[in-house]
Amino acid sequence: MFGKLFKKAHCALSLAFLVGLTSFSFADNITVNGTSRNMLVYAPKNIEKDRPLIIQMHGYNQDAAYQKNAAKWEPIADTARFVVVFPNGQNKAWDTGGDKDLNFIKAIINEMHNKYGIDKKRVYVSGFSMGGMMSYVVANKMSDQIAAIAPVSGGGSPSSCKRPMPIIHTHGTTDDVVNYNNTANTVKQWVPFNKCSSSSKVTKPYPSNKSGSSASLEVWSGCNDNVEVRLLTIAGKGHWYSMDEASVNTSVEIWNFVKNFSLDGSSITPPIEVPTDRDSIFNGGFDSTDVAWTLQTHGDAQATGNVKNGKYQLDISAVGTENYQVQVIQHDLHLEKGQWYEVSFEASASASRTLEVNVEQHTDPWASYLTEKANFELGTESKKYSFQFQMTAATDKDSRLSFNAGASTGTLTLDNVMLKKIAEPSVGLAMVPRLKTASGKYNVYSLTGKRLGFVEIIENDVPNMQKTMKNAGFGKGVYILRGKK
């Protein structure tokens, strides 16, 4: 329901406070070299796998919360789909001369990969003041793991960096803590190191469409591996993180630069945009990701879900008291009043089990739009299942399809899920054993297995089945017929 979070035992946030949020940051602790280290993590809701990671470090005598508030990465991360981590330095400082914080950065990368599946080829490091200095340390010591750096108001020379490093450095000219001129000269040392062209291109004012901007941008290109060195200068700016919309938003400038670089030189994959208010299933084939699908567990039920080999695999380790306590859902479905629909999917399980399927409201009271929930008996071999229904309630632009699997433990696999509009069906028979030669009375069931009554079939009367069913009191629809014993 909420954004992807880290578990934190001492978190004091209440559920009442969290209701309605789509994504938010959360504190997390990890152990590095036997020491507990902490950080703030921001991840957009339902973040896809293989998305970038930005690690941004605070200044001396500051902390992660201060940097998070100053940089305001959340709307950028939500739009471009990436994870942001704000680590806390010990004693509000960074170890620029040892490996203590280098190991912390490495641990963060691994933790974010384990939790969110971030793309290790697209890890970017940034920082303000002493955090900016630490960014240069990371560039020198971890160049095989960092795709680009974006220091702000804190410098560092190339020393042990093992490859050309893309850099965007932002600094105010009236900085009275870290001198602008000295730091700008240090930044320029990366130009020959990266084997860039010695001539640069200057844009002033920057951006050029903001005539009143106090910023200018100097770019050195023609570097090895197609990297760039950028110096973003803000006239009259002191020692703080610029978020001046009349000039430059530092976080936006950083993202627009670093997103162009990866360790293998490949271009970044655009985020998958899930359309809303749609009348069909999105990503029903689970093409490498579970985007648009949400796994929910309730009560004591426990389950995990992942895409494996182009199929969605749900592993249920603990059941609940109701089927819905383990749900794989997709919402934002537009169902029109009076329209007929067909739902189909392929499924299998590690052992024979029942799977409940529902089409319902996405919000409280989660009213079902089916006459009764559909139940299917699954086996160990994948088979196609389907059912039809008419939307008799008012048009709903945010309904959902739910696979409810909380009744049994084990593995459940889903694939090729579809929802499509169909014409109003005439009387059809889903199962009529030996009907071509047999006559007699047959039990009539709905597609969900509910017995509706019986019908008497005259021998060889299949062509007149619609009339026979109508005369027996059954309206238009699809039925299952089984011979009475």
Protein backbone atom coordinates (compact mmCIF):
# COMPACT_ATOMS: atom_id res chain seq x y z
CA MET A 1 0.00 0.00 0.00
CA PHE A 2 2.81 2.35 0.82
CA GLY A 3 6.23 2.86 -0.77
CA LYS A 4 8.86 0.16 -0.41
CA LEU A 5 10.40 0.59 3.00
CA PHE A 6 13.11 -0.69 5.25
CA LYS A 7 12.15 -2.28 8.57
CA LYS A 8 13.28 -0.35 11.59
CA ALA A 9 12.45 -1.61 15.06
CA HIS A 10 12.62 1.73 16.81
CA CYS A 11 10.66 3.69 14.20
CA ALA A 12 8.02 5.76 15.97
CA LEU A 13 5.88 6.60 12.93
CA SER A 14 2.26 5.57 13.27
CA LEU A 15 0.11 3.98 10.61
CA ALA A 16 -2.31 6.87 10.94
CA PHE A 17 0.47 9.19 9.82
CA LEU A 18 1.43 6.99 6.88
CA VAL A 19 -2.01 6.49 5.39
CA GLY A 20 -2.30 8.03 1.94
CA LEU A 21 1.41 8.33 1.23
CA THR A 22 2.72 6.78 -1.96
CA SER A 23 6.45 6.77 -1.18
CA PHE A 24 8.57 7.96 1.70
CA SER A 25 11.98 7.73 3.28
CA PHE A 26 12.76 5.44 6.14
CA ALA A 27 15.71 4.96 8.45
CA ASP A 28 17.74 1.78 8.27
CA ASN A 29 20.76 0.36 10.06
CA ILE A 30 23.42 -1.86 8.53
CA THR A 31 26.47 -3.34 10.19
CA VAL A 32 29.82 -2.42 8.64
CA ASN A 33 33.05 -3.86 10.06
CA GLY A 34 31.20 -4.71 13.27
CA THR A 35 29.74 -1.21 13.68
CA SER A 36 26.10 -0.26 13.24
CA ARG A 37 25.74 2.48 10.61
CA ASN A 38 22.53 4.25 9.70
CA MET A 39 21.03 6.09 6.75
CA LEU A 40 17.80 7.43 5.29
CA VAL A 41 16.46 5.69 2.20
CA TYR A 42 13.96 7.05 -0.31
CA ALA A 43 12.38 4.66 -2.82
CA PRO A 44 9.42 5.41 -5.09
CA LYS A 45 6.40 3.17 -4.67
CA ASN A 46 6.70 -0.14 -6.56
CA ILE A 47 10.19 0.74 -7.76
CA GLU A 48 11.22 -1.51 -10.64
CA LYS A 49 14.40 -3.56 -10.62
CA ASP A 50 17.55 -2.34 -12.38
CA ARG A 51 16.94 1.32 -11.57
CA PRO A 52 19.79 3.72 -10.60
CA LEU A 53 21.01 4.59 -7.11
CA ILE A 54 22.17 8.00 -5.88
CA ILE A 55 24.11 8.20 -2.61
CA GLN A 56 24.30 11.76 -1.26
CA MET A 57 26.44 12.64 1.76
CA HIS A 58 25.89 15.53 4.15
CA GLY A 59 28.39 18.19 5.17
CA TYR A 60 30.54 18.36 8.29
CA ASN A 61 28.55 18.71 11.51
CA GLN A 62 25.32 17.99 9.59
CA ASP A 63 23.35 14.77 9.15
CA ALA A 64 21.30 12.74 6.69
CA ALA A 65 18.00 14.41 7.60
CA TYR A 66 19.51 17.86 7.00
CA GLN A 67 20.83 16.85 3.59
CA LYS A 68 17.57 15.18 2.60
CA ASN A 69 15.63 18.33 3.44
CA ALA A 70 18.13 20.56 1.61
CA ALA A 71 18.31 18.54 -1.62
CA LYS A 72 14.64 17.56 -2.06
CA TRP A 73 15.29 14.54 -4.27
CA GLU A 74 11.85 12.96 -3.83
CA PRO A 75 9.93 14.41 -6.82
CA ILE A 76 12.90 13.78 -9.13
CA ALA A 77 13.24 10.18 -7.94
CA ASP A 78 9.50 9.60 -8.30
CA THR A 79 9.51 10.82 -11.90
CA ALA A 80 12.76 9.23 -13.10
CA ARG A 81 12.40 6.11 -10.92
CA PHE A 82 15.55 5.71 -8.86
CA VAL A 83 16.55 5.16 -5.22
CA VAL A 84 18.26 7.82 -3.09
CA VAL A 85 20.26 7.09 0.06
CA PHE A 86 21.39 9.72 2.60
CA PRO A 87 24.01 8.08 4.83
CA ASN A 88 25.03 9.41 8.24
CA GLY A 89 28.71 9.94 8.88
CA GLN A 90 30.04 8.99 12.28
CA ASN A 91 30.29 12.03 14.57
CA LYS A 92 28.75 14.00 11.68
CA ALA A 93 31.94 13.71 9.61
CA TRP A 94 33.46 11.52 6.90
CA ASP A 95 36.62 9.42 6.94
CA THR A 96 38.39 10.97 3.94
CA GLY A 97 41.72 9.37 4.79
CA GLY A 98 40.80 5.76 5.60
CA ASP A 99 38.52 3.00 4.43
CA LYS A 100 35.83 3.13 7.14
CA ASP A 101 33.34 5.09 5.04
CA LEU A 102 34.41 3.49 1.78
CA ASN A 103 33.27 0.20 3.28
CA PHE A 104 30.04 1.91 4.35
CA ILE A 105 29.40 3.04 0.76
CA LYS A 106 30.09 -0.47 -0.53
CA ALA A 107 27.69 -1.92 2.02
CA ILE A 108 24.99 0.57 1.00
CA ILE A 109 25.31 -0.45 -2.65
CA ASN A 110 24.97 -4.13 -1.76
CA GLU A 111 22.05 -3.47 0.58
CA MET A 112 20.16 -1.49 -2.05
CA HIS A 113 20.82 -4.21 -4.60
CA ASN A 114 19.45 -6.85 -2.24
CA LYS A 115 16.40 -4.79 -1.24
CA TYR A 116 15.50 -3.09 -4.51
CA GLY A 117 17.53 -4.76 -7.23
CA ILE A 118 19.26 -1.46 -8.10
CA ASP A 119 21.50 -1.44 -11.18
CA LYS A 120 25.08 -1.67 -9.91
CA LYS A 121 26.29 -0.21 -13.21
CA ARG A 122 24.44 3.03 -12.42
CA VAL A 123 25.50 4.05 -8.92
CA TYR A 124 26.17 7.79 -8.54
CA VAL A 125 27.80 9.49 -5.54
CA SER A 126 27.24 13.08 -4.50
CA GLY A 127 27.77 15.15 -1.40
CA PHE A 128 27.82 18.63 0.06
CA SER A 129 30.91 20.29 1.60
CA MET A 130 32.80 17.51 3.40
CA GLY A 131 30.38 15.11 1.69
CA GLY A 132 31.57 16.58 -1.63
CA MET A 133 35.16 15.91 -0.60
CA MET A 134 34.17 12.35 0.25
CA SER A 135 32.67 12.03 -3.24
CA TYR A 136 36.12 12.61 -4.72
CA VAL A 137 37.60 10.05 -2.32
CA VAL A 138 35.03 7.52 -3.52
CA ALA A 139 35.88 8.38 -7.15
CA ASN A 140 39.54 7.67 -6.51
CA LYS A 141 39.07 4.52 -4.44
CA MET A 142 35.93 2.96 -5.96
CA SER A 143 36.01 3.99 -9.61
CA ASP A 144 35.10 0.42 -10.62
CA GLN A 145 31.80 0.72 -8.74
CA ILE A 146 30.79 4.37 -9.30
CA ALA A 147 29.48 5.56 -12.67
CA ALA A 148 29.72 9.33 -11.98
CA ILE A 149 30.13 11.80 -9.13
CA ALA A 150 28.42 15.10 -8.34
CA PRO A 151 30.19 17.02 -5.54
CA VAL A 152 28.81 20.31 -4.21
CA SER A 153 31.06 22.85 -2.45
CA GLY A 154 33.81 20.36 -1.67
CA GLY A 155 36.81 19.41 -3.82
CA GLY A 156 39.38 16.70 -4.43
CA SER A 157 42.19 15.94 -6.90
CA PRO A 158 42.60 12.82 -9.04
CA SER A 159 45.03 10.45 -7.35
CA SER A 160 44.27 6.74 -7.63
CA CYS A 161 41.21 6.78 -9.90
CA LYS A 162 41.55 3.92 -12.39
CA ARG A 163 39.32 5.20 -15.19
CA PRO A 164 37.95 8.44 -16.64
CA MET A 165 35.37 9.78 -14.17
CA PRO A 166 32.34 11.87 -15.21
CA ILE A 167 32.08 14.86 -12.85
CA ILE A 168 29.63 17.69 -12.30
CA HIS A 169 30.86 20.03 -9.57
CA THR A 170 28.63 22.82 -8.21
CA HIS A 171 30.02 25.73 -6.19
CA GLY A 172 29.12 29.29 -5.14
CA THR A 173 31.61 32.09 -5.72
CA THR A 174 31.17 33.63 -2.25
CA ASP A 175 31.64 30.38 -0.35
CA ASP A 176 33.46 31.39 2.85
CA VAL A 177 34.01 27.82 4.06
CA VAL A 178 35.43 26.04 1.03
CA ASN A 179 37.10 28.60 -1.24
CA TYR A 180 35.63 28.70 -4.73
CA ASN A 181 38.79 29.63 -6.69
CA ASN A 182 40.97 27.00 -5.04
CA THR A 183 38.35 24.30 -5.54
CA ALA A 184 37.67 25.30 -9.16
CA ASN A 185 41.38 24.90 -9.91
CA THR A 186 41.27 21.46 -8.28
CA VAL A 187 38.29 20.45 -10.40
CA LYS A 188 40.24 21.42 -13.52
CA GLN A 189 42.91 18.86 -12.62
CA TRP A 190 40.42 16.20 -13.70
CA VAL A 191 40.40 17.61 -17.25
CA PRO A 192 43.87 16.29 -18.28
CA PHE A 193 43.37 13.20 -16.11
CA ASN A 194 40.24 12.30 -18.12
CA LYS A 195 42.15 13.32 -21.29
CA CYS A 196 39.50 15.88 -22.16
CA SER A 197 39.95 18.73 -24.62
CA SER A 198 41.80 21.58 -22.94
CA SER A 199 39.30 24.07 -24.36
CA SER A 200 35.94 24.37 -22.69
CA LYS A 201 32.49 25.64 -23.57
CA VAL A 202 30.97 28.23 -21.24
CA THR A 203 27.24 28.97 -21.05
CA LYS A 204 26.42 32.19 -19.22
CA PRO A 205 23.84 32.71 -17.94
CA TYR A 206 22.93 29.11 -17.33
CA PRO A 207 20.40 27.92 -18.25
CA SER A 208 20.50 30.16 -21.29
CA ASN A 209 16.72 30.61 -21.24
CA LYS A 210 16.87 32.22 -17.79
CA SER A 211 18.27 35.68 -18.44
CA GLY A 212 18.36 36.50 -14.73
CA SER A 213 20.20 33.37 -13.66
CA SER A 214 23.32 33.91 -11.60
CA ALA A 215 24.78 30.56 -12.69
CA SER A 216 27.23 29.69 -15.46
CA LEU A 217 28.28 26.28 -16.76
CA GLU A 218 31.74 25.34 -18.05
CA VAL A 219 32.00 21.99 -19.85
CA TRP A 220 35.09 20.04 -20.90
CA SER A 221 34.23 17.30 -23.39
CA GLY A 222 36.17 15.13 -25.86
CA CYS A 223 37.33 13.02 -22.91
CA ASN A 224 38.19 9.33 -22.90
CA ASP A 225 35.19 7.01 -22.68
CA ASN A 226 32.95 9.95 -23.66
CA VAL A 227 32.89 11.32 -20.11
CA GLU A 228 32.63 15.03 -19.30
CA VAL A 229 33.84 17.40 -16.60
CA ARG A 230 31.38 20.14 -15.68
CA LEU A 231 31.84 23.12 -13.38
CA LEU A 232 28.55 24.75 -12.41
CA THR A 233 29.33 28.13 -10.86
CA ILE A 234 26.73 30.22 -8.99
CA ALA A 235 27.73 33.87 -8.60
CA GLY A 236 27.07 35.31 -5.18
CA LYS A 237 26.16 31.95 -3.67
CA GLY A 238 27.64 31.09 -0.29
CA HIS A 239 28.27 27.76 1.36
CA TRP A 240 24.91 26.09 0.89
CA TYR A 241 23.05 23.78 -1.48
CA SER A 242 21.37 25.86 -4.19
CA MET A 243 17.69 25.19 -4.92
CA ASP A 244 17.00 28.56 -6.55
CA GLU A 245 14.46 27.99 -9.33
CA ALA A 246 15.36 31.41 -10.79
CA SER A 247 18.88 30.05 -11.28
CA VAL A 248 19.53 26.31 -10.85
CA ASN A 249 18.06 23.46 -8.87
CA THR A 250 21.21 21.56 -7.96
CA SER A 251 19.51 18.19 -7.62
CA VAL A 252 17.89 18.48 -11.04
CA GLU A 253 21.23 19.47 -12.60
CA ILE A 254 22.95 16.52 -10.94
CA TRP A 255 20.37 14.01 -12.18
CA ASN A 256 20.32 15.38 -15.72
CA PHE A 257 24.09 14.89 -15.85
CA VAL A 258 24.71 11.58 -14.09
CA LYS A 259 21.85 9.74 -15.83
CA ASN A 260 23.93 9.78 -19.03
CA PHE A 261 26.64 7.52 -17.60
CA SER A 262 27.03 3.87 -16.64
CA LEU A 263 29.99 1.61 -15.95
CA ASP A 264 29.50 -0.30 -19.20
CA GLY A 265 28.70 2.73 -21.35
CA SER A 266 25.12 1.69 -22.01
CA SER A 267 22.32 4.22 -22.02
CA ILE A 268 19.86 4.28 -19.19
CA THR A 269 16.62 2.40 -19.69
CA PRO A 270 13.67 4.79 -19.48
CA PRO A 271 11.33 4.01 -16.60
CA ILE A 272 8.29 1.95 -17.45
CA GLU A 273 5.20 4.14 -17.44
CA VAL A 274 2.05 2.32 -16.39
CA PRO A 275 -1.07 3.87 -17.96
CA THR A 276 -3.97 4.54 -15.63
CA ASP A 277 -7.69 4.33 -16.35
CA ARG A 278 -7.12 1.36 -18.72
CA ASP A 279 -9.52 -1.39 -19.78
CA SER A 280 -6.90 -4.12 -20.12
CA ILE A 281 -4.17 -5.73 -18.03
CA PHE A 282 -0.74 -4.09 -18.23
CA ASN A 283 2.32 -6.35 -18.22
CA GLY A 284 0.26 -9.52 -18.02
CA GLY A 285 3.16 -11.43 -19.57
CA PHE A 286 5.59 -10.35 -16.81
CA ASP A 287 8.24 -9.22 -19.28
CA SER A 288 11.28 -9.22 -16.97
CA THR A 289 9.50 -7.21 -14.27
CA ASP A 290 6.41 -7.21 -12.06
CA VAL A 291 5.67 -3.55 -12.74
CA ALA A 292 1.94 -2.72 -12.33
CA TRP A 293 1.48 -5.73 -10.02
CA THR A 294 1.42 -5.52 -6.23
CA LEU A 295 1.80 -8.30 -3.68
CA GLN A 296 -0.10 -7.70 -0.45
CA THR A 297 -0.04 -9.86 2.66
CA HIS A 298 -2.36 -9.44 5.64
CA GLY A 299 -2.57 -10.90 9.12
CA ASP A 300 -0.11 -13.71 9.76
CA ALA A 301 0.29 -14.64 6.10
CA GLN A 302 3.78 -14.43 4.60
CA ALA A 303 4.76 -14.51 0.94
CA THR A 304 7.28 -13.16 -1.54
CA GLY A 305 6.85 -12.58 -5.27
CA ASN A 306 9.37 -12.27 -8.09
CA VAL A 307 9.52 -12.57 -11.85
CA LYS A 308 11.51 -15.63 -12.91
CA ASN A 309 11.92 -16.79 -16.50
CA GLY A 310 9.16 -14.47 -17.68
CA LYS A 311 6.58 -15.72 -15.16
CA TYR A 312 5.42 -14.38 -11.82
CA GLN A 313 6.38 -16.75 -9.00
CA LEU A 314 4.60 -16.39 -5.68
CA ASP A 315 6.17 -18.25 -2.77
CA ILE A 316 3.81 -18.55 0.21
CA SER A 317 5.48 -19.56 3.47
CA ALA A 318 2.61 -18.93 5.92
CA VAL A 319 -1.14 -18.90 5.30
CA GLY A 320 -3.74 -16.61 6.73
CA THR A 321 -7.30 -17.25 7.78
CA GLU A 322 -8.73 -15.91 4.51
CA ASN A 323 -7.79 -16.31 0.84
CA TYR A 324 -7.33 -12.55 0.43
CA GLN A 325 -4.57 -12.43 3.04
CA VAL A 326 -2.13 -13.20 0.21
CA GLN A 327 -3.05 -11.16 -2.87
CA VAL A 328 -1.41 -10.40 -6.19
CA ILE A 329 -3.34 -7.44 -7.58
CA GLN A 330 -3.43 -4.98 -10.45
CA HIS A 331 -5.59 -1.89 -10.14
CA ASP A 332 -6.33 1.22 -12.26
CA LEU A 333 -8.68 -0.91 -14.37
CA HIS A 334 -11.61 0.87 -16.02
CA LEU A 335 -14.77 -1.26 -15.99
CA GLU A 336 -17.86 0.13 -17.71
CA LYS A 337 -21.35 -0.54 -16.43
CA GLY A 338 -23.16 -3.06 -18.60
CA GLN A 339 -20.01 -4.23 -20.42
CA TRP A 340 -19.07 -7.91 -20.58
CA TYR A 341 -15.44 -8.95 -19.91
CA GLU A 342 -13.32 -12.05 -20.06
CA VAL A 343 -10.43 -12.74 -17.69
CA SER A 344 -7.88 -15.37 -18.69
CA PHE A 345 -4.53 -16.49 -17.29
CA GLU A 346 -2.12 -19.38 -17.15
CA ALA A 347 -1.25 -20.89 -13.79
CA SER A 348 0.39 -23.81 -12.03
CA ALA A 349 1.43 -24.70 -8.49
CA SER A 350 4.04 -26.77 -6.71
CA ALA A 351 1.18 -28.99 -5.47
CA SER A 352 -2.53 -29.20 -6.26
CA ARG A 353 -4.40 -26.26 -4.79
CA THR A 354 -7.33 -23.89 -5.24
CA LEU A 355 -6.82 -20.35 -6.49
CA GLU A 356 -9.45 -17.71 -5.89
CA VAL A 357 -9.80 -14.89 -8.44
CA ASN A 358 -11.83 -11.74 -7.95
CA VAL A 359 -12.64 -8.48 -9.73
CA GLU A 360 -13.43 -5.81 -7.18
CA GLN A 361 -13.19 -2.27 -5.93
CA HIS A 362 -9.66 -1.14 -5.15
CA THR A 363 -10.78 0.77 -2.06
CA ASP A 364 -12.84 0.06 1.01
CA PRO A 365 -15.28 -1.78 1.06
CA TRP A 366 -13.61 -3.73 -1.79
CA ALA A 367 -16.98 -4.88 -3.17
CA SER A 368 -16.77 -7.72 -5.69
CA TYR A 369 -18.10 -7.21 -9.20
CA LEU A 370 -18.64 -10.95 -9.71
CA THR A 371 -21.80 -12.79 -8.79
CA GLU A 372 -19.40 -14.91 -6.78
CA LYS A 373 -15.62 -15.18 -6.65
CA ALA A 374 -14.10 -17.56 -9.21
CA ASN A 375 -12.24 -20.62 -7.91
CA PHE A 376 -9.91 -22.76 -9.98
CA GLU A 377 -8.23 -26.06 -9.20
CA LEU A 378 -4.56 -25.80 -10.15
CA GLY A 379 -2.14 -28.63 -10.80
CA THR A 380 1.60 -28.85 -11.25
CA GLU A 381 1.36 -28.33 -15.03
CA SER A 382 0.59 -24.87 -16.38
CA LYS A 383 -2.89 -24.56 -17.90
CA LYS A 384 -5.05 -21.75 -19.19
CA TYR A 385 -8.07 -20.68 -17.14
CA SER A 386 -10.75 -18.13 -17.92
CA PHE A 387 -14.13 -16.76 -16.89
CA GLN A 388 -16.57 -14.14 -18.13
CA PHE A 389 -18.61 -11.57 -16.24
CA GLN A 390 -20.78 -8.53 -16.77
CA MET A 391 -20.07 -5.28 -14.96
CA THR A 392 -23.48 -4.59 -13.39
CA ALA A 393 -22.30 -1.94 -10.91
CA ALA A 394 -21.60 1.69 -11.72
CA THR A 395 -18.57 2.37 -13.94
CA ASP A 396 -15.37 2.13 -11.88
CA LYS A 397 -12.14 3.71 -13.16
CA ASP A 398 -9.96 2.18 -10.44
CA SER A 399 -11.11 -1.39 -10.03
CA ARG A 400 -8.73 -4.30 -9.65
CA LEU A 401 -8.10 -7.92 -10.54
CA SER A 402 -7.04 -9.97 -7.52
CA PHE A 403 -5.44 -13.39 -7.30
CA ASN A 404 -6.15 -14.53 -3.73
CA ALA A 405 -3.84 -17.33 -2.61
CA GLY A 406 -3.77 -17.19 1.20
CA ALA A 407 -5.28 -20.65 1.77
CA SER A 408 -2.23 -22.80 0.97
CA THR A 409 1.52 -22.60 1.28
CA GLY A 410 3.85 -23.45 -1.59
CA THR A 411 4.71 -21.93 -4.94
CA LEU A 412 2.17 -20.46 -7.37
CA THR A 413 3.14 -19.37 -10.89
CA LEU A 414 1.14 -16.93 -13.05
CA ASP A 415 1.57 -15.88 -16.67
CA ASN A 416 -0.26 -14.31 -19.63
CA VAL A 417 -2.93 -12.57 -17.57
CA MET A 418 -5.52 -10.84 -19.73
CA LEU A 419 -8.68 -8.77 -19.33
CA LYS A 420 -10.63 -7.93 -22.45
CA LYS A 421 -14.02 -6.63 -23.48
CA ILE A 422 -16.31 -9.17 -25.14
CA ALA A 423 -19.73 -9.08 -26.73
CA GLU A 424 -22.67 -10.18 -24.66
CA PRO A 425 -22.51 -13.96 -24.82
CA SER A 426 -25.40 -16.07 -25.99
CA VAL A 427 -26.00 -19.32 -24.13
CA GLY A 428 -22.83 -21.34 -24.32
CA LEU A 429 -21.67 -24.59 -22.77
CA ALA A 430 -18.27 -24.82 -21.15
CA MET A 431 -18.57 -28.55 -20.44
CA VAL A 432 -21.22 -30.98 -21.69
CA PRO A 433 -20.01 -34.59 -21.26
CA ARG A 434 -21.25 -37.00 -23.91
CA LEU A 435 -24.04 -34.58 -24.84
CA LYS A 436 -23.97 -35.43 -28.55
CA THR A 437 -25.50 -38.87 -27.95
CA ALA A 438 -26.92 -38.73 -24.44
CA SER A 439 -30.25 -37.42 -23.32
CA GLY A 440 -31.57 -36.85 -19.83
CA LYS A 441 -31.25 -34.37 -17.01
CA TYR A 442 -28.09 -32.32 -16.47
CA ASN A 443 -27.01 -30.20 -13.51
CA VAL A 444 -26.27 -26.60 -14.51
CA TYR A 445 -23.36 -24.74 -12.87
CA SER A 446 -21.94 -21.26 -13.18
CA LEU A 447 -18.31 -20.89 -14.28
CA THR A 448 -17.40 -20.42 -10.63
CA GLY A 449 -18.83 -23.83 -9.75
CA LYS A 450 -22.17 -22.82 -8.16
CA ARG A 451 -25.07 -25.16 -8.96
CA LEU A 452 -27.89 -23.20 -10.55
CA GLY A 453 -30.41 -25.97 -11.23
CA PHE A 454 -30.90 -28.54 -13.95
CA VAL A 455 -32.03 -28.85 -17.54
CA GLU A 456 -33.47 -31.78 -19.45
CA ILE A 457 -31.76 -32.46 -22.76
CA ILE A 458 -33.53 -34.19 -25.63
CA GLU A 459 -31.26 -36.57 -27.52
CA ASN A 460 -29.29 -34.94 -30.35
CA ASP A 461 -30.70 -31.53 -29.43
CA VAL A 462 -27.42 -29.63 -29.20
CA PRO A 463 -28.31 -27.24 -32.09
CA ASN A 464 -31.37 -26.08 -30.12
CA MET A 465 -29.51 -25.69 -26.83
CA GLN A 466 -30.07 -21.93 -26.58
CA LYS A 467 -33.82 -22.42 -26.78
CA THR A 468 -33.70 -25.36 -24.39
CA MET A 469 -31.77 -23.39 -21.79
CA LYS A 470 -34.08 -20.40 -22.16
CA ASN A 471 -37.15 -22.59 -21.71
CA ALA A 472 -35.57 -24.00 -18.54
CA GLY A 473 -35.26 -20.50 -17.10
CA PHE A 474 -31.59 -19.77 -17.79
CA GLY A 475 -30.68 -16.42 -19.31
CA LYS A 476 -27.81 -15.52 -21.59
CA GLY A 477 -24.41 -16.61 -20.33
CA VAL A 478 -21.91 -19.48 -20.26
CA TYR A 479 -22.69 -22.55 -18.17
CA ILE A 480 -21.16 -25.85 -17.14
CA LEU A 481 -23.39 -28.90 -17.57
CA ARG A 482 -22.72 -32.19 -15.82
CA GLY A 483 -24.82 -35.33 -16.12
CA LYS A 484 -27.00 -36.13 -13.10
CA LYS A 485 -26.26 -39.39 -11.33
